[in-house]
Protein backbone atom coordinates (compact mmCIF):
# COMPACT_ATOMS: atom_id res chain seq x y z
CA UNK A 1 101.44 107.75 97.56
CA UNK A 2 103.09 109.21 94.46
CA UNK A 3 101.32 112.48 95.20
CA UNK A 4 102.72 112.49 98.74
CA UNK A 5 106.20 111.85 97.37
CA UNK A 6 105.85 114.68 94.88
CA UNK A 7 104.75 117.00 97.69
CA UNK A 8 108.09 116.46 99.40
CA UNK A 9 106.81 114.19 102.17
CA UNK A 10 109.64 113.41 104.59
CA UNK A 11 107.94 110.69 106.63
CA UNK A 12 106.20 107.97 104.65
CA UNK A 13 103.76 106.37 107.09
CA UNK A 14 102.11 103.42 105.38
CA UNK A 15 99.30 101.51 107.04
CA UNK A 16 98.13 97.91 107.16
CA UNK A 17 101.27 96.46 105.55
CA UNK A 18 101.28 93.46 103.25
CA UNK A 19 101.74 93.52 99.47
CA UNK A 20 101.67 97.05 98.02
CA UNK A 21 103.18 99.26 95.35
CA UNK A 22 105.77 101.02 97.49
CA UNK A 23 108.65 99.70 95.41
CA UNK A 24 107.26 101.40 92.31
CA UNK A 25 107.73 104.90 93.67
CA UNK A 26 110.27 104.49 96.45
CA UNK A 27 113.40 104.86 94.31
CA UNK A 28 112.17 108.13 92.81
CA UNK A 29 111.18 109.37 96.25
CA UNK A 30 114.57 108.56 97.77
CA UNK A 31 116.47 110.02 94.81
CA UNK A 32 114.44 113.23 94.82
CA UNK A 33 115.03 113.61 98.55
CA UNK A 34 118.76 113.09 98.03
CA UNK A 35 118.82 115.75 95.32
CA UNK A 36 117.17 118.14 97.78
CA UNK A 37 119.62 117.13 100.52
CA UNK A 38 116.61 116.10 102.58
CA UNK A 39 116.47 113.15 104.96
CA UNK A 40 113.39 110.93 104.66
CA UNK A 41 112.20 107.91 106.62
CA UNK A 42 109.68 105.12 106.10
CA UNK A 43 107.72 103.13 108.66
CA UNK A 44 107.59 99.35 108.94
CA UNK A 45 104.30 98.96 107.07
CA UNK A 46 105.42 99.95 103.58
CA UNK A 47 106.79 96.57 102.54
CA UNK A 48 110.40 97.75 102.21
CA UNK A 49 113.28 97.86 104.73
CA UNK A 50 111.99 100.27 107.34
CA UNK A 51 113.42 103.02 109.54
CA UNK A 52 111.11 102.82 112.54
CA UNK A 53 108.55 100.53 114.14
CA UNK A 54 104.90 101.34 114.82
CA UNK A 55 103.24 99.33 117.61
CA UNK A 56 99.50 100.03 117.50
CA UNK A 57 97.56 100.55 120.73
CA UNK A 58 100.67 99.13 122.38
CA UNK A 59 104.16 100.08 123.49
CA UNK A 60 107.45 98.43 124.36
CA UNK A 61 108.43 97.50 127.90
CA UNK A 62 112.08 98.45 127.43
CA UNK A 63 114.27 100.88 125.50
CA UNK A 64 114.43 100.22 121.78
CA UNK A 65 117.62 101.56 120.24
CA UNK A 66 115.93 101.85 116.87
CA UNK A 67 113.36 104.65 116.80
CA UNK A 68 109.74 103.64 117.26
CA UNK A 69 106.36 105.30 117.41
CA UNK A 70 103.41 104.15 119.47
CA UNK A 71 100.10 105.04 117.88
CA UNK A 72 96.71 104.95 119.53
CA UNK A 73 93.45 106.82 119.46
CA UNK A 74 91.80 108.85 122.17
CA UNK A 75 88.88 106.51 121.53
CA UNK A 76 89.93 103.10 122.88
CA UNK A 77 87.86 101.31 120.24
CA UNK A 78 88.29 103.30 117.04
CA UNK A 79 90.59 105.72 115.22
CA UNK A 80 87.55 107.39 113.67
CA UNK A 81 84.68 109.03 115.51
CA UNK A 82 82.36 106.45 117.08
CA UNK A 83 79.11 107.85 118.43
CA UNK A 84 78.64 104.74 120.58
CA UNK A 85 81.75 105.50 122.66
CA UNK A 86 80.81 107.10 126.01
CA UNK A 87 82.65 110.27 127.02
CA UNK A 88 84.14 108.55 130.05
CA UNK A 89 85.96 106.06 127.82
CA UNK A 90 88.10 108.61 125.95
CA UNK A 91 91.76 108.90 126.84
CA UNK A 92 92.03 111.27 129.80
CA UNK A 93 94.67 113.92 130.35
CA UNK A 94 96.51 111.81 132.91
CA UNK A 95 96.66 108.92 130.43
CA UNK A 96 97.97 111.17 127.65
CA UNK A 97 100.69 112.59 129.90
CA UNK A 98 101.83 109.32 131.47
CA UNK A 99 101.77 107.54 128.10
CA UNK A 100 103.92 110.29 126.59
CA UNK A 101 106.44 110.08 129.43
CA UNK A 102 106.69 106.30 129.29
CA UNK A 103 107.10 106.23 125.51
CA UNK A 104 109.70 109.02 125.34
CA UNK A 105 111.73 107.43 128.15
CA UNK A 106 112.12 104.35 125.94
CA UNK A 107 113.22 106.22 122.80
CA UNK A 108 109.76 106.34 121.26
CA UNK A 109 107.45 108.93 119.72
CA UNK A 110 103.76 109.26 120.55
CA UNK A 111 101.29 109.39 117.66
CA UNK A 112 97.93 110.34 119.18
CA UNK A 113 94.85 110.04 116.99
CA UNK A 114 91.82 112.32 117.25
CA UNK A 115 88.76 111.22 115.28
CA UNK A 116 86.58 114.18 114.20
CA UNK A 117 82.86 114.02 113.55
CA UNK A 118 81.55 114.08 109.99
CA UNK A 119 81.57 117.90 109.93
CA UNK A 120 85.22 118.01 110.98
CA UNK A 121 84.65 119.12 114.58
CA UNK A 122 86.23 117.51 117.62
CA UNK A 123 83.84 116.54 120.39
CA UNK A 124 84.06 118.54 123.60
CA UNK A 125 85.45 115.79 125.84
CA UNK A 126 88.41 115.21 123.52
CA UNK A 127 89.13 118.95 123.35
CA UNK A 128 88.98 119.19 127.13
CA UNK A 129 91.31 116.26 127.72
CA UNK A 130 93.79 117.48 125.10
CA UNK A 131 93.89 120.98 126.58
CA UNK A 132 94.38 119.66 130.11
CA UNK A 133 97.26 117.48 128.93
CA UNK A 134 98.64 120.44 127.00
CA UNK A 135 98.79 122.59 130.13
CA UNK A 136 100.98 119.94 131.78
CA UNK A 137 103.20 119.56 128.71
CA UNK A 138 103.79 123.30 128.46
CA UNK A 139 104.89 123.47 132.09
CA UNK A 140 107.08 120.35 132.01
CA UNK A 141 108.20 120.32 128.39
CA UNK A 142 111.92 120.51 129.06
CA UNK A 143 111.80 116.93 130.38
CA UNK A 144 110.18 115.78 127.11
CA UNK A 145 111.28 117.99 124.20
CA UNK A 146 114.73 117.34 122.70
CA UNK A 147 115.52 114.67 125.28
CA UNK A 148 116.81 111.16 124.87
CA UNK A 149 116.52 107.96 126.86
CA UNK A 150 118.94 107.09 129.65
CA UNK A 151 121.10 104.23 128.43
CA UNK A 152 121.29 102.59 131.88
CA UNK A 153 117.55 102.08 132.36
CA UNK A 154 114.40 103.96 131.37
CA UNK A 155 112.73 103.46 134.71
CA UNK A 156 112.83 102.60 138.39
CA UNK A 157 110.01 100.23 139.26
CA UNK A 158 106.63 100.96 137.74
CA UNK A 159 106.25 104.61 138.75
CA UNK A 160 109.53 106.36 137.87
CA UNK A 161 110.84 107.22 134.41
CA UNK A 162 114.06 108.94 133.28
CA UNK A 163 115.08 111.17 130.37
CA UNK A 164 118.18 113.28 129.79
CA UNK A 165 119.70 116.05 127.71
CA UNK A 166 123.28 117.25 127.36
CA UNK A 167 122.64 119.58 130.30
CA UNK A 168 120.34 117.78 132.70
CA UNK A 169 118.89 114.53 133.97
CA UNK A 170 115.14 114.23 134.60
CA UNK A 171 113.28 112.04 137.07
CA UNK A 172 109.54 111.69 136.45
CA UNK A 173 107.01 110.15 138.83
CA UNK A 174 103.90 108.87 137.08
CA UNK A 175 101.75 109.38 140.16
CA UNK A 176 101.79 111.53 143.29
CA UNK A 177 105.07 110.72 145.06
CA UNK A 178 105.41 109.68 148.68
CA UNK A 179 107.49 111.67 151.13
CA UNK A 180 110.62 109.76 150.08
CA UNK A 181 111.83 108.56 146.69
CA UNK A 182 114.85 106.24 146.65
CA UNK A 183 116.53 105.69 143.29
CA UNK A 184 118.66 102.56 143.21
CA UNK A 185 120.16 102.96 139.72
CA UNK A 186 123.39 105.02 139.62
CA UNK A 187 121.77 108.25 138.46
CA UNK A 188 124.22 110.97 137.33
CA UNK A 189 124.32 112.92 140.58
CA UNK A 190 127.37 113.92 142.61
CA UNK A 191 127.77 115.45 146.02
CA UNK A 192 126.72 119.09 145.87
CA UNK A 193 124.21 118.72 143.04
CA UNK A 194 120.77 120.14 143.66
CA UNK A 195 117.51 118.50 142.64
CA UNK A 196 114.84 120.98 141.59
CA UNK A 197 111.16 120.71 140.73
CA UNK A 198 110.12 121.21 137.10
CA UNK A 199 106.64 122.52 136.39
CA UNK A 200 103.58 122.83 138.58
CA UNK A 201 103.12 125.33 141.37
CA UNK A 202 106.45 124.45 143.01
CA UNK A 203 108.59 124.79 139.89
CA UNK A 204 112.17 125.78 140.69
CA UNK A 205 112.01 124.71 144.32
CA UNK A 206 114.93 122.66 145.60
CA UNK A 207 114.08 119.18 146.86
CA UNK A 208 116.28 117.86 149.71
CA UNK A 209 118.45 115.03 148.43
CA UNK A 210 121.33 112.87 149.57
CA UNK A 211 123.52 110.11 148.24
CA UNK A 212 123.42 107.04 150.45
CA UNK A 213 126.38 104.84 151.35
CA UNK A 214 125.27 102.36 148.69
CA UNK A 215 125.21 105.01 145.99
CA UNK A 216 121.44 105.39 145.84
CA UNK A 217 119.90 108.84 145.54
CA UNK A 218 117.26 109.67 148.14
CA UNK A 219 114.82 112.51 147.55
CA UNK A 220 112.71 113.98 150.30
CA UNK A 221 109.50 115.31 148.80
CA UNK A 222 107.88 118.04 150.95
CA UNK A 223 104.12 117.85 151.28
CA UNK A 224 103.81 121.17 149.50
CA UNK A 225 105.56 119.70 146.45
CA UNK A 226 103.41 116.58 146.56
CA UNK A 227 100.30 118.76 146.28
CA UNK A 228 101.77 121.24 143.77
CA UNK A 229 101.21 119.22 140.61
CA UNK A 230 99.01 116.67 138.88
CA UNK A 231 99.32 113.76 136.45
CA UNK A 232 103.12 113.44 136.83
CA UNK A 233 105.85 115.04 138.96
CA UNK A 234 109.20 116.02 137.44
CA UNK A 235 112.56 116.63 139.13
CA UNK A 236 115.77 117.82 137.51
CA UNK A 237 119.47 117.37 138.19
CA UNK A 238 121.41 119.96 136.22
CA UNK A 239 124.84 118.73 135.21
CA UNK A 240 127.82 120.57 136.69
CA UNK A 241 128.82 118.73 139.82
CA UNK A 242 130.67 120.89 142.36
CA UNK A 243 133.06 123.75 141.84
CA UNK A 244 135.46 125.72 144.00
CA UNK A 245 135.22 129.49 144.30
CA UNK A 246 138.07 131.92 144.87
CA UNK A 247 138.11 131.26 148.62
CA UNK A 248 138.54 127.55 148.11
CA UNK A 249 135.11 126.63 149.47
CA UNK A 250 132.94 124.20 147.59
CA UNK A 251 129.66 125.43 146.18
CA UNK A 252 126.88 123.50 144.49
CA UNK A 253 127.39 123.18 140.77
CA UNK A 254 124.26 121.42 139.57
CA UNK A 255 121.38 123.81 139.31
CA UNK A 256 123.46 126.77 140.42
CA UNK A 257 126.00 126.70 137.62
CA UNK A 258 124.37 124.98 134.68
CA UNK A 259 121.09 125.81 133.06
CA UNK A 260 119.13 123.20 131.18
CA UNK A 261 117.31 124.28 128.03
CA UNK A 262 113.81 125.47 128.68
CA UNK A 263 112.53 123.25 125.89
CA UNK A 264 111.03 124.13 122.58
CA UNK A 265 107.73 123.19 121.15
CA UNK A 266 107.24 122.87 117.45
CA UNK A 267 103.85 122.74 115.79
CA UNK A 268 101.81 119.65 116.42
CA UNK A 269 101.53 117.46 113.33
CA UNK A 270 97.99 117.28 112.02
CA UNK A 271 97.83 114.63 109.32
CA UNK A 272 94.63 114.20 107.37
CA UNK A 273 92.80 114.61 104.11
CA UNK A 274 90.40 117.40 103.24
CA UNK A 275 89.50 120.54 105.14
CA UNK A 276 89.96 120.99 108.85
CA UNK A 277 87.35 123.00 110.71
CA UNK A 278 88.20 125.91 112.96
CA UNK A 279 87.47 123.78 116.01
CA UNK A 280 90.45 121.61 115.10
CA UNK A 281 92.72 124.64 115.11
CA UNK A 282 91.83 125.44 118.70
CA UNK A 283 92.91 122.01 119.88
CA UNK A 284 95.69 122.38 122.36
CA UNK A 285 98.78 123.43 120.45
CA UNK A 286 100.55 122.63 123.69
CA UNK A 287 100.60 119.00 122.66
CA UNK A 288 103.41 119.79 120.25
CA UNK A 289 106.60 118.01 121.08
CA UNK A 290 109.01 118.40 118.19
CA UNK A 291 108.58 114.82 117.16
CA UNK A 292 107.48 113.48 120.52
CA UNK A 293 103.79 113.89 119.86
CA UNK A 294 101.77 113.99 116.69
CA UNK A 295 98.00 114.28 116.54
CA UNK A 296 96.42 112.56 113.56
CA UNK A 297 92.99 113.56 112.32
CA UNK A 298 91.03 110.90 110.48
CA UNK A 299 88.79 112.91 108.17
């Protein structure tokens, strides 16, 4: 741990918990970071007052104001490679995507473990599932990267999740939506706003929407949109409301006048000890999420 501190580690992620020697190096680590004008954080397993929580193979049911990080392995039984685990048991792309959405909507990060074989290679089924999830993340990243939770509620029922940025509000369906989605919470939408599709083959298309007399937002999902994506469906309300042009007529603000950031993807965090084989490097870089996703390699 002293070596990690000397290397300039910014996130100290202890494991197991219980009595340890954290206190012996922590003051030097914090002081060195302060001298470098660098912010550092420590998880809740180091034995000292922590900065974030780390539920293992679990997640919270509601928003946690304090940052947290759900960690689990693609193997449901082990963080390391287990030759007894059948290929069908590994976390599938749909599970990676929907887990990421649910966790981020509740102010969490997703720490996804990949257990290599003894020679450092990742088995084919894990590579395949990671790449498939990565394709979805690349196409829909703006609803994940650099977003925050919605303070009103993270979800509507069991199938809808929300995130937001300074420029847009995102509605994410965790399964193929029906022809109509009715959102009861007072989502930030005003008359004239447009709801557009994010990602998939219908990206950018406008979805018919209307505010009901009770203040609910009703989305009409065309069949073409229902069949244009997989794993999860994302819809965006760009902030802007309505505006008046020179003739005095009202035009849609929303998507027409405000552009949400396209999202950025930083490098995925590979944490491990020892060498990493070339096969690890070809794992889907698309899983990067600027803090939303980290892939840990147990070597």
